[in-house]
Amino acid sequence: MSIRRKYTIVLFNFVKYRIPVIVKIYQTRMQKLDKNLVLAQANDYCPGISLDCVILGFHEGKLKVLLNKFSTYTKWMLPGGFIYKDEHVDAAATRTLASRTGLSNVYLRQFYFFGDVSRTNLDENKDMLARQGFAKDDKEVSKWFLQRFFSIGYYAFVEYGKVKVHSNMDEDVAWFNLSDIPSLYTDHNIIIDKAITTIRSQLNSIPVGYELLPEKFTLTQLRTIYETILDAKLDRRNFQRKILSAGLVCKLSEVYKKWGQKSSILYSFDKNKYHAAIKNGIPVF
């Protein structure tokens, strides 16, 4: 047998058998490290309370929600986290948002306190911990994670193209269309529904389009955002007339072109007028 053939066989066996073992050992060590880190920091967090962020973006004509899940778990969930004992809850939400999107200066608002006595599903939490490699009889872990949790809900508007999605080694992060949200962990579907209901009730006074759209956009894109949140079709001509008469958008000498579609005029927001309208409580829609 030639030296080259021997070398090829050795390399093949290493790739096939040894690398998976090394990866498994590394992952196991990381899980233990994660456990030690979490337990070491547990005393720094406020017990029994967390926050969950409904992060909304707009892309290719669809309103989207950012979700994450552990690679060992089946259900997706909202980005969230715990609150340090010496930390303002808004600062914790900003920290959580930045860790997921890479953005810090975005429109972020607290909208509801979720305190239903049955919102914490202990069996679901036990299953999640077991899949993460934690022992079922680990009292330290159980004391922290298997207690009743309250959650403070936040929603955020982000410009999709500016988001730099970040995920840890043992999890997945992805955008989902608002109309295609799967069954989520614990009450996170309820949290999303409540966020949309809240936004809908405040639609005249919050900068939805301004925060979600890029600097240049079409009125069709703007209308689609409102239609999605309102869950209703809007008359194109009436919408356009209402938006233009408010004087908050400027017509540009540019058009949006897409293969197979009619060219559309591009617009941009008049930032000074828009901020003044929001500040003075003047309806923006």
C-alpha atoms as a PDB file:
ATOM      1  CA  MET A   1       0.000   0.000   0.000  1.00  0.00           C
ATOM      2  CA  SER A   2       1.367   3.397  -0.962  1.00  0.00           C
ATOM      3  CA  ILE A   3       2.212   6.061   1.603  1.00  0.00           C
ATOM      4  CA  ARG A   4      -0.375   8.388   0.073  1.00  0.00           C
ATOM      5  CA  ARG A   5      -3.114   5.731   0.436  1.00  0.00           C
ATOM      6  CA  LYS A   6      -2.139   5.063   4.078  1.00  0.00           C
ATOM      7  CA  TYR A   7      -2.243   8.773   4.814  1.00  0.00           C
ATOM      8  CA  THR A   8      -5.681   9.073   3.161  1.00  0.00           C
ATOM      9  CA  ILE A   9      -7.101   6.210   5.267  1.00  0.00           C
ATOM     10  CA  VAL A  10      -5.706   7.664   8.509  1.00  0.00           C
ATOM     11  CA  LEU A  11      -7.120  11.096   7.688  1.00  0.00           C
ATOM     12  CA  PHE A  12     -10.505   9.595   6.773  1.00  0.00           C
ATOM     13  CA  ASN A  13     -10.730   7.673  10.060  1.00  0.00           C
ATOM     14  CA  PHE A  14      -9.772  10.772  12.038  1.00  0.00           C
ATOM     15  CA  VAL A  15     -12.460  12.872  10.365  1.00  0.00           C
ATOM     16  CA  LYS A  16     -15.110  10.157  10.649  1.00  0.00           C
ATOM     17  CA  TYR A  17     -14.503   8.926  14.191  1.00  0.00           C
ATOM     18  CA  ARG A  18     -12.290  11.248  16.213  1.00  0.00           C
ATOM     19  CA  ILE A  19     -13.672  14.730  15.347  1.00  0.00           C
ATOM     20  CA  PRO A  20     -17.269  13.907  16.423  1.00  0.00           C
ATOM     21  CA  VAL A  21     -15.911  12.642  19.760  1.00  0.00           C
ATOM     22  CA  ILE A  22     -13.851  15.792  20.265  1.00  0.00           C
ATOM     23  CA  VAL A  23     -16.848  17.991  19.416  1.00  0.00           C
ATOM     24  CA  LYS A  24     -19.054  16.031  21.826  1.00  0.00           C
ATOM     25  CA  ILE A  25     -16.526  16.398  24.658  1.00  0.00           C
ATOM     26  CA  TYR A  26     -16.220  20.121  23.933  1.00  0.00           C
ATOM     27  CA  GLN A  27     -19.989  20.583  23.919  1.00  0.00           C
ATOM     28  CA  THR A  28     -20.326  18.677  27.207  1.00  0.00           C
ATOM     29  CA  ARG A  29     -17.675  20.839  28.826  1.00  0.00           C
ATOM     30  CA  MET A  30     -19.368  23.975  27.539  1.00  0.00           C
ATOM     31  CA  GLN A  31     -22.693  22.828  29.015  1.00  0.00           C
ATOM     32  CA  LYS A  32     -21.042  22.327  32.400  1.00  0.00           C
ATOM     33  CA  LEU A  33     -19.368  25.692  32.096  1.00  0.00           C
ATOM     34  CA  ASP A  34     -22.700  27.285  31.261  1.00  0.00           C
ATOM     35  CA  LYS A  35     -24.240  25.704  34.345  1.00  0.00           C
ATOM     36  CA  ASN A  36     -21.457  26.956  36.593  1.00  0.00           C
ATOM     37  CA  LEU A  37     -21.698  30.424  35.103  1.00  0.00           C
ATOM     38  CA  VAL A  38     -25.467  30.568  35.518  1.00  0.00           C
ATOM     39  CA  LEU A  39     -25.367  29.347  39.120  1.00  0.00           C
ATOM     40  CA  ALA A  40     -22.526  31.702  39.966  1.00  0.00           C
ATOM     41  CA  GLN A  41     -24.517  34.657  38.615  1.00  0.00           C
ATOM     42  CA  ALA A  42     -27.904  33.590  39.983  1.00  0.00           C
ATOM     43  CA  ASN A  43     -27.513  35.634  43.150  1.00  0.00           C
ATOM     44  CA  ASP A  44     -26.900  38.737  41.034  1.00  0.00           C
ATOM     45  CA  TYR A  45     -30.327  38.466  39.353  1.00  0.00           C
ATOM     46  CA  CYS A  46     -33.773  39.364  40.656  1.00  0.00           C
ATOM     47  CA  PRO A  47     -35.443  36.014  41.434  1.00  0.00           C
ATOM     48  CA  GLY A  48     -38.719  35.019  39.830  1.00  0.00           C
ATOM     49  CA  ILE A  49     -38.807  37.766  37.213  1.00  0.00           C
ATOM     50  CA  SER A  50     -37.618  38.023  33.621  1.00  0.00           C
ATOM     51  CA  LEU A  51     -38.247  40.095  30.514  1.00  0.00           C
ATOM     52  CA  ASP A  52     -39.261  39.114  26.997  1.00  0.00           C
ATOM     53  CA  CYS A  53     -38.756  41.213  23.863  1.00  0.00           C
ATOM     54  CA  VAL A  54     -41.022  41.183  20.806  1.00  0.00           C
ATOM     55  CA  ILE A  55     -38.526  42.395  18.198  1.00  0.00           C
ATOM     56  CA  LEU A  56     -40.277  43.428  14.977  1.00  0.00           C
ATOM     57  CA  GLY A  57     -38.693  43.952  11.569  1.00  0.00           C
ATOM     58  CA  PHE A  58     -40.015  44.447   8.021  1.00  0.00           C
ATOM     59  CA  HIS A  59     -38.524  42.607   5.039  1.00  0.00           C
ATOM     60  CA  GLU A  60     -39.754  41.722   1.547  1.00  0.00           C
ATOM     61  CA  GLY A  61     -43.268  42.929   2.281  1.00  0.00           C
ATOM     62  CA  LYS A  62     -43.621  40.941   5.518  1.00  0.00           C
ATOM     63  CA  LEU A  63     -43.672  41.987   9.177  1.00  0.00           C
ATOM     64  CA  LYS A  64     -41.342  39.659  11.028  1.00  0.00           C
ATOM     65  CA  VAL A  65     -40.582  38.624  14.626  1.00  0.00           C
ATOM     66  CA  LEU A  66     -37.156  37.519  15.852  1.00  0.00           C
ATOM     67  CA  LEU A  67     -37.177  34.210  17.764  1.00  0.00           C
ATOM     68  CA  ASN A  68     -34.554  31.919  19.250  1.00  0.00           C
ATOM     69  CA  LYS A  69     -34.381  28.381  20.633  1.00  0.00           C
ATOM     70  CA  PHE A  70     -31.882  26.028  22.216  1.00  0.00           C
ATOM     71  CA  SER A  71     -30.518  23.555  19.680  1.00  0.00           C
ATOM     72  CA  THR A  72     -31.465  20.715  22.057  1.00  0.00           C
ATOM     73  CA  TYR A  73     -35.060  21.956  22.476  1.00  0.00           C
ATOM     74  CA  THR A  74     -38.003  21.804  20.103  1.00  0.00           C
ATOM     75  CA  LYS A  75     -39.855  25.051  20.826  1.00  0.00           C
ATOM     76  CA  TRP A  76     -38.933  28.568  19.739  1.00  0.00           C
ATOM     77  CA  MET A  77     -39.187  31.476  22.162  1.00  0.00           C
ATOM     78  CA  LEU A  78     -38.855  35.240  22.396  1.00  0.00           C
ATOM     79  CA  PRO A  79     -35.439  36.751  23.112  1.00  0.00           C
ATOM     80  CA  GLY A  80     -35.337  37.513  26.822  1.00  0.00           C
ATOM     81  CA  GLY A  81     -33.293  37.413  29.953  1.00  0.00           C
ATOM     82  CA  PHE A  82     -32.974  38.139  33.624  1.00  0.00           C
ATOM     83  CA  ILE A  83     -32.564  41.468  35.396  1.00  0.00           C
ATOM     84  CA  TYR A  84     -29.600  42.308  37.614  1.00  0.00           C
ATOM     85  CA  LYS A  85     -30.500  43.432  41.114  1.00  0.00           C
ATOM     86  CA  ASP A  86     -28.759  46.763  40.588  1.00  0.00           C
ATOM     87  CA  GLU A  87     -30.063  47.289  37.040  1.00  0.00           C
ATOM     88  CA  HIS A  88     -32.990  49.363  35.768  1.00  0.00           C
ATOM     89  CA  VAL A  89     -35.443  47.092  33.972  1.00  0.00           C
ATOM     90  CA  ASP A  90     -35.279  49.291  30.833  1.00  0.00           C
ATOM     91  CA  ALA A  91     -31.498  48.911  30.841  1.00  0.00           C
ATOM     92  CA  ALA A  92     -31.917  45.124  31.008  1.00  0.00           C
ATOM     93  CA  ALA A  93     -34.242  45.228  27.997  1.00  0.00           C
ATOM     94  CA  THR A  94     -31.777  47.411  26.072  1.00  0.00           C
ATOM     95  CA  ARG A  95     -28.974  44.989  26.949  1.00  0.00           C
ATOM     96  CA  THR A  96     -31.028  42.003  25.773  1.00  0.00           C
ATOM     97  CA  LEU A  97     -31.971  43.734  22.523  1.00  0.00           C
ATOM     98  CA  ALA A  98     -28.377  44.734  21.784  1.00  0.00           C
ATOM     99  CA  SER A  99     -27.097  41.208  22.448  1.00  0.00           C
ATOM    100  CA  ARG A 100     -29.489  39.803  19.816  1.00  0.00           C
ATOM    101  CA  THR A 101     -29.480  42.487  17.128  1.00  0.00           C
ATOM    102  CA  GLY A 102     -26.252  44.423  17.584  1.00  0.00           C
ATOM    103  CA  LEU A 103     -28.377  47.586  17.836  1.00  0.00           C
ATOM    104  CA  SER A 104     -28.650  49.938  20.791  1.00  0.00           C
ATOM    105  CA  ASN A 105     -30.449  53.094  19.679  1.00  0.00           C
ATOM    106  CA  VAL A 106     -33.829  51.685  18.671  1.00  0.00           C
ATOM    107  CA  TYR A 107     -37.492  52.253  19.531  1.00  0.00           C
ATOM    108  CA  LEU A 108     -38.073  50.041  22.594  1.00  0.00           C
ATOM    109  CA  ARG A 109     -41.137  50.225  24.833  1.00  0.00           C
ATOM    110  CA  GLN A 110     -42.441  48.327  27.839  1.00  0.00           C
ATOM    111  CA  PHE A 111     -46.054  47.296  27.194  1.00  0.00           C
ATOM    112  CA  TYR A 112     -47.320  44.747  29.744  1.00  0.00           C
ATOM    113  CA  PHE A 113     -46.629  42.788  32.917  1.00  0.00           C
ATOM    114  CA  PHE A 114     -47.407  39.083  32.551  1.00  0.00           C
ATOM    115  CA  GLY A 115     -48.300  37.565  35.902  1.00  0.00           C
ATOM    116  CA  ASP A 116     -50.769  34.753  35.275  1.00  0.00           C
ATOM    117  CA  VAL A 117     -50.274  32.127  37.968  1.00  0.00           C
ATOM    118  CA  SER A 118     -50.219  29.352  35.361  1.00  0.00           C
ATOM    119  CA  ARG A 119     -47.840  31.008  32.860  1.00  0.00           C
ATOM    120  CA  THR A 120     -44.797  29.074  34.153  1.00  0.00           C
ATOM    121  CA  ASN A 121     -45.034  25.491  32.882  1.00  0.00           C
ATOM    122  CA  LEU A 122     -42.803  23.534  35.271  1.00  0.00           C
ATOM    123  CA  ASP A 123     -42.904  20.340  33.196  1.00  0.00           C
ATOM    124  CA  GLU A 124     -41.775  22.322  30.147  1.00  0.00           C
ATOM    125  CA  ASN A 125     -38.929  23.868  32.135  1.00  0.00           C
ATOM    126  CA  LYS A 126     -37.875  20.465  33.515  1.00  0.00           C
ATOM    127  CA  ASP A 127     -37.768  19.061  29.998  1.00  0.00           C
ATOM    128  CA  MET A 128     -35.720  22.008  28.756  1.00  0.00           C
ATOM    129  CA  LEU A 129     -33.198  21.661  31.604  1.00  0.00           C
ATOM    130  CA  ALA A 130     -32.853  17.925  31.006  1.00  0.00           C
ATOM    131  CA  ARG A 131     -32.186  18.511  27.311  1.00  0.00           C
ATOM    132  CA  GLN A 132     -29.504  21.047  28.277  1.00  0.00           C
ATOM    133  CA  GLY A 133     -27.730  18.374  30.303  1.00  0.00           C
ATOM    134  CA  PHE A 134     -28.753  19.413  33.824  1.00  0.00           C
ATOM    135  CA  ALA A 135     -29.496  16.646  36.347  1.00  0.00           C
ATOM    136  CA  LYS A 136     -33.157  16.312  37.375  1.00  0.00           C
ATOM    137  CA  ASP A 137     -32.234  16.156  41.051  1.00  0.00           C
ATOM    138  CA  ASP A 138     -29.957  19.207  40.937  1.00  0.00           C
ATOM    139  CA  LYS A 139     -31.462  21.296  43.745  1.00  0.00           C
ATOM    140  CA  GLU A 140     -29.465  24.423  42.922  1.00  0.00           C
ATOM    141  CA  VAL A 141     -30.743  24.505  39.368  1.00  0.00           C
ATOM    142  CA  SER A 142     -34.304  23.587  40.384  1.00  0.00           C
ATOM    143  CA  LYS A 143     -34.450  26.328  43.001  1.00  0.00           C
ATOM    144  CA  TRP A 144     -33.751  28.985  40.385  1.00  0.00           C
ATOM    145  CA  PHE A 145     -35.429  27.742  37.203  1.00  0.00           C
ATOM    146  CA  LEU A 146     -38.398  25.800  38.573  1.00  0.00           C
ATOM    147  CA  GLN A 147     -40.001  28.635  40.478  1.00  0.00           C
ATOM    148  CA  ARG A 148     -42.877  30.839  39.377  1.00  0.00           C
ATOM    149  CA  PHE A 149     -41.754  33.560  36.967  1.00  0.00           C
ATOM    150  CA  PHE A 150     -43.310  36.917  36.139  1.00  0.00           C
ATOM    151  CA  SER A 151     -42.362  38.552  32.855  1.00  0.00           C
ATOM    152  CA  ILE A 152     -42.131  42.176  31.732  1.00  0.00           C
ATOM    153  CA  GLY A 153     -42.986  42.516  28.059  1.00  0.00           C
ATOM    154  CA  TYR A 154     -41.217  44.897  25.665  1.00  0.00           C
ATOM    155  CA  TYR A 155     -41.670  45.488  21.958  1.00  0.00           C
ATOM    156  CA  ALA A 156     -39.064  46.974  19.635  1.00  0.00           C
ATOM    157  CA  PHE A 157     -39.049  48.257  16.050  1.00  0.00           C
ATOM    158  CA  VAL A 158     -35.796  47.594  14.177  1.00  0.00           C
ATOM    159  CA  GLU A 159     -34.673  48.254  10.627  1.00  0.00           C
ATOM    160  CA  TYR A 160     -34.213  44.753   9.225  1.00  0.00           C
ATOM    161  CA  GLY A 161     -31.197  45.595   7.089  1.00  0.00           C
ATOM    162  CA  LYS A 162     -29.248  46.954  10.066  1.00  0.00           C
ATOM    163  CA  VAL A 163     -29.748  43.951  12.316  1.00  0.00           C
ATOM    164  CA  LYS A 164     -26.759  41.695  12.933  1.00  0.00           C
ATOM    165  CA  VAL A 165     -28.400  38.600  14.382  1.00  0.00           C
ATOM    166  CA  HIS A 166     -26.297  36.996  17.098  1.00  0.00           C
ATOM    167  CA  SER A 167     -26.655  33.452  18.408  1.00  0.00           C
ATOM    168  CA  ASN A 168     -24.708  31.440  20.942  1.00  0.00           C
ATOM    169  CA  MET A 169     -23.070  28.099  20.192  1.00  0.00           C
ATOM    170  CA  ASP A 170     -25.970  25.977  21.452  1.00  0.00           C
ATOM    171  CA  GLU A 171     -28.925  27.848  19.963  1.00  0.00           C
ATOM    172  CA  ASP A 172     -30.639  28.946  16.765  1.00  0.00           C
ATOM    173  CA  VAL A 173     -31.971  32.423  15.965  1.00  0.00           C
ATOM    174  CA  ALA A 174     -34.300  33.226  13.061  1.00  0.00           C
ATOM    175  CA  TRP A 175     -36.887  35.666  11.727  1.00  0.00           C
ATOM    176  CA  PHE A 176     -40.479  34.444  11.407  1.00  0.00           C
ATOM    177  CA  ASN A 177     -43.330  36.077   9.522  1.00  0.00           C
ATOM    178  CA  LEU A 178     -45.853  37.451  11.997  1.00  0.00           C
ATOM    179  CA  SER A 179     -48.523  35.415  10.206  1.00  0.00           C
ATOM    180  CA  ASP A 180     -46.544  32.163  10.570  1.00  0.00           C
ATOM    181  CA  ILE A 181     -45.532  32.059  14.231  1.00  0.00           C
ATOM    182  CA  PRO A 182     -45.360  28.433  15.494  1.00  0.00           C
ATOM    183  CA  SER A 183     -46.440  27.221  18.928  1.00  0.00           C
ATOM    184  CA  LEU A 184     -43.916  28.835  21.263  1.00  0.00           C
ATOM    185  CA  TYR A 185     -42.457  28.154  24.685  1.00  0.00           C
ATOM    186  CA  THR A 186     -44.776  28.850  27.649  1.00  0.00           C
ATOM    187  CA  ASP A 187     -47.009  31.930  26.992  1.00  0.00           C
ATOM    188  CA  HIS A 188     -44.858  33.621  24.353  1.00  0.00           C
ATOM    189  CA  ASN A 189     -47.621  33.433  21.710  1.00  0.00           C
ATOM    190  CA  ILE A 190     -49.819  35.385  24.121  1.00  0.00           C
ATOM    191  CA  ILE A 191     -47.044  37.934  24.640  1.00  0.00           C
ATOM    192  CA  ILE A 192     -46.745  38.521  20.878  1.00  0.00           C
ATOM    193  CA  ASP A 193     -50.519  38.876  20.515  1.00  0.00           C
ATOM    194  CA  LYS A 194     -50.613  41.374  23.376  1.00  0.00           C
ATOM    195  CA  ALA A 195     -47.762  43.374  21.828  1.00  0.00           C
ATOM    196  CA  ILE A 196     -49.561  43.637  18.484  1.00  0.00           C
ATOM    197  CA  THR A 197     -52.835  44.581  20.200  1.00  0.00           C
ATOM    198  CA  THR A 198     -51.009  47.306  22.138  1.00  0.00           C
ATOM    199  CA  ILE A 199     -49.284  48.643  19.013  1.00  0.00           C
ATOM    200  CA  ARG A 200     -52.602  48.614  17.174  1.00  0.00           C
ATOM    201  CA  SER A 201     -54.224  50.726  19.885  1.00  0.00           C
ATOM    202  CA  GLN A 202     -51.379  53.268  19.709  1.00  0.00           C
ATOM    203  CA  LEU A 203     -50.894  53.276  15.949  1.00  0.00           C
ATOM    204  CA  ASN A 204     -51.724  56.966  15.575  1.00  0.00           C
ATOM    205  CA  SER A 205     -48.992  58.075  17.956  1.00  0.00           C
ATOM    206  CA  ILE A 206     -46.010  55.730  17.543  1.00  0.00           C
ATOM    207  CA  PRO A 207     -43.398  55.814  14.742  1.00  0.00           C
ATOM    208  CA  VAL A 208     -44.085  52.390  13.236  1.00  0.00           C
ATOM    209  CA  GLY A 209     -43.143  53.101   9.630  1.00  0.00           C
ATOM    210  CA  TYR A 210     -40.340  55.479  10.560  1.00  0.00           C
ATOM    211  CA  GLU A 211     -38.579  52.831  12.642  1.00  0.00           C
ATOM    212  CA  LEU A 212     -39.256  49.754  10.493  1.00  0.00           C
ATOM    213  CA  LEU A 213     -38.566  51.083   6.992  1.00  0.00           C
ATOM    214  CA  PRO A 214     -35.225  52.002   5.391  1.00  0.00           C
ATOM    215  CA  GLU A 215     -34.504  55.638   4.593  1.00  0.00           C
ATOM    216  CA  LYS A 216     -36.145  55.321   1.162  1.00  0.00           C
ATOM    217  CA  PHE A 217     -39.396  53.392   0.783  1.00  0.00           C
ATOM    218  CA  THR A 218     -42.599  53.116  -1.236  1.00  0.00           C
ATOM    219  CA  LEU A 219     -46.066  53.968   0.024  1.00  0.00           C
ATOM    220  CA  THR A 220     -47.031  50.358  -0.685  1.00  0.00           C
ATOM    221  CA  GLN A 221     -44.432  49.186   1.814  1.00  0.00           C
ATOM    222  CA  LEU A 222     -45.707  51.656   4.388  1.00  0.00           C
ATOM    223  CA  ARG A 223     -49.316  50.617   3.787  1.00  0.00           C
ATOM    224  CA  THR A 224     -48.414  46.925   4.125  1.00  0.00           C
ATOM    225  CA  ILE A 225     -47.042  47.538   7.627  1.00  0.00           C
ATOM    226  CA  TYR A 226     -50.259  49.219   8.732  1.00  0.00           C
ATOM    227  CA  GLU A 227     -52.405  46.524   7.100  1.00  0.00           C
ATOM    228  CA  THR A 228     -50.472  43.771   8.880  1.00  0.00           C
ATOM    229  CA  ILE A 229     -50.774  45.385  12.299  1.00  0.00           C
ATOM    230  CA  LEU A 230     -54.439  46.282  11.796  1.00  0.00           C
ATOM    231  CA  ASP A 231     -55.142  42.882  10.210  1.00  0.00           C
ATOM    232  CA  ALA A 232     -57.242  44.667   7.606  1.00  0.00           C
ATOM    233  CA  LYS A 233     -56.991  45.866   4.018  1.00  0.00           C
ATOM    234  CA  LEU A 234     -56.711  49.631   3.525  1.00  0.00           C
ATOM    235  CA  ASP A 235     -57.901  51.507   0.470  1.00  0.00           C
ATOM    236  CA  ARG A 236     -54.771  52.440  -1.473  1.00  0.00           C
ATOM    237  CA  ARG A 237     -55.949  55.883  -2.618  1.00  0.00           C
ATOM    238  CA  ASN A 238     -57.340  56.933   0.768  1.00  0.00           C
ATOM    239  CA  PHE A 239     -54.191  55.776   2.533  1.00  0.00           C
ATOM    240  CA  GLN A 240     -51.959  57.661   0.121  1.00  0.00           C
ATOM    241  CA  ARG A 241     -54.029  60.824   0.411  1.00  0.00           C
ATOM    242  CA  LYS A 242     -53.996  60.667   4.209  1.00  0.00           C
ATOM    243  CA  ILE A 243     -50.238  60.094   4.426  1.00  0.00           C
ATOM    244  CA  LEU A 244     -49.348  62.836   1.942  1.00  0.00           C
ATOM    245  CA  SER A 245     -51.738  65.367   3.469  1.00  0.00           C
ATOM    246  CA  ALA A 246     -50.057  64.922   6.862  1.00  0.00           C
ATOM    247  CA  GLY A 247     -46.871  66.361   5.337  1.00  0.00           C
ATOM    248  CA  LEU A 248     -44.605  63.864   7.099  1.00  0.00           C
ATOM    249  CA  VAL A 249     -43.164  62.210   3.984  1.00  0.00           C
ATOM    250  CA  CYS A 250     -41.222  63.698   1.075  1.00  0.00           C
ATOM    251  CA  LYS A 251     -41.483  62.540  -2.523  1.00  0.00           C
ATOM    252  CA  LEU A 252     -38.093  61.719  -4.041  1.00  0.00           C
ATOM    253  CA  SER A 253     -36.943  61.920  -7.640  1.00  0.00           C
ATOM    254  CA  GLU A 254     -36.165  58.202  -7.563  1.00  0.00           C
ATOM    255  CA  VAL A 255     -38.153  55.052  -8.257  1.00  0.00           C
ATOM    256  CA  TYR A 256     -38.092  51.521  -6.880  1.00  0.00           C
ATOM    257  CA  LYS A 257     -37.661  48.910  -9.597  1.00  0.00           C
ATOM    258  CA  LYS A 258     -38.243  45.194  -9.230  1.00  0.00           C
ATOM    259  CA  TRP A 259     -38.288  42.647 -12.033  1.00  0.00           C
ATOM    260  CA  GLY A 260     -41.817  41.921 -13.216  1.00  0.00           C
ATOM    261  CA  GLN A 261     -43.383  44.819 -11.304  1.00  0.00           C
ATOM    262  CA  LYS A 262     -44.310  48.378 -12.143  1.00  0.00           C
ATOM    263  CA  SER A 263     -41.836  50.995 -10.922  1.00  0.00           C
ATOM    264  CA  SER A 264     -42.897  52.786  -7.734  1.00  0.00           C
ATOM    265  CA  ILE A 265     -42.033  56.286  -6.543  1.00  0.00           C
ATOM    266  CA  LEU A 266     -39.754  56.400  -3.519  1.00  0.00           C
ATOM    267  CA  TYR A 267     -40.392  58.556  -0.447  1.00  0.00           C
ATOM    268  CA  SER A 268     -38.554  59.441   2.745  1.00  0.00           C
ATOM    269  CA  PHE A 269     -39.739  60.784   6.094  1.00  0.00           C
ATOM    270  CA  ASP A 270     -39.290  64.437   6.987  1.00  0.00           C
ATOM    271  CA  LYS A 271     -37.408  63.707  10.201  1.00  0.00           C
ATOM    272  CA  ASN A 272     -37.950  67.112  11.823  1.00  0.00           C
ATOM    273  CA  LYS A 273     -41.706  67.136  11.197  1.00  0.00           C
ATOM    274  CA  TYR A 274     -42.063  63.481  12.179  1.00  0.00           C
ATOM    275  CA  HIS A 275     -40.246  63.893  15.507  1.00  0.00           C
ATOM    276  CA  ALA A 276     -42.204  67.063  16.232  1.00  0.00           C
ATOM    277  CA  ALA A 277     -45.498  65.261  15.546  1.00  0.00           C
ATOM    278  CA  ILE A 278     -44.578  62.383  17.880  1.00  0.00           C
ATOM    279  CA  LYS A 279     -43.388  64.776  20.594  1.00  0.00           C
ATOM    280  CA  ASN A 280     -46.542  66.929  20.424  1.00  0.00           C
ATOM    281  CA  GLY A 281     -48.941  64.007  20.191  1.00  0.00           C
ATOM    282  CA  ILE A 282     -50.065  64.847  16.657  1.00  0.00           C
ATOM    283  CA  PRO A 283     -51.505  61.740  14.888  1.00  0.00           C
ATOM    284  CA  VAL A 284     -49.046  60.329  12.345  1.00  0.00           C
ATOM    285  CA  PHE A 285     -51.652  58.122  10.702  1.00  0.00           C
END
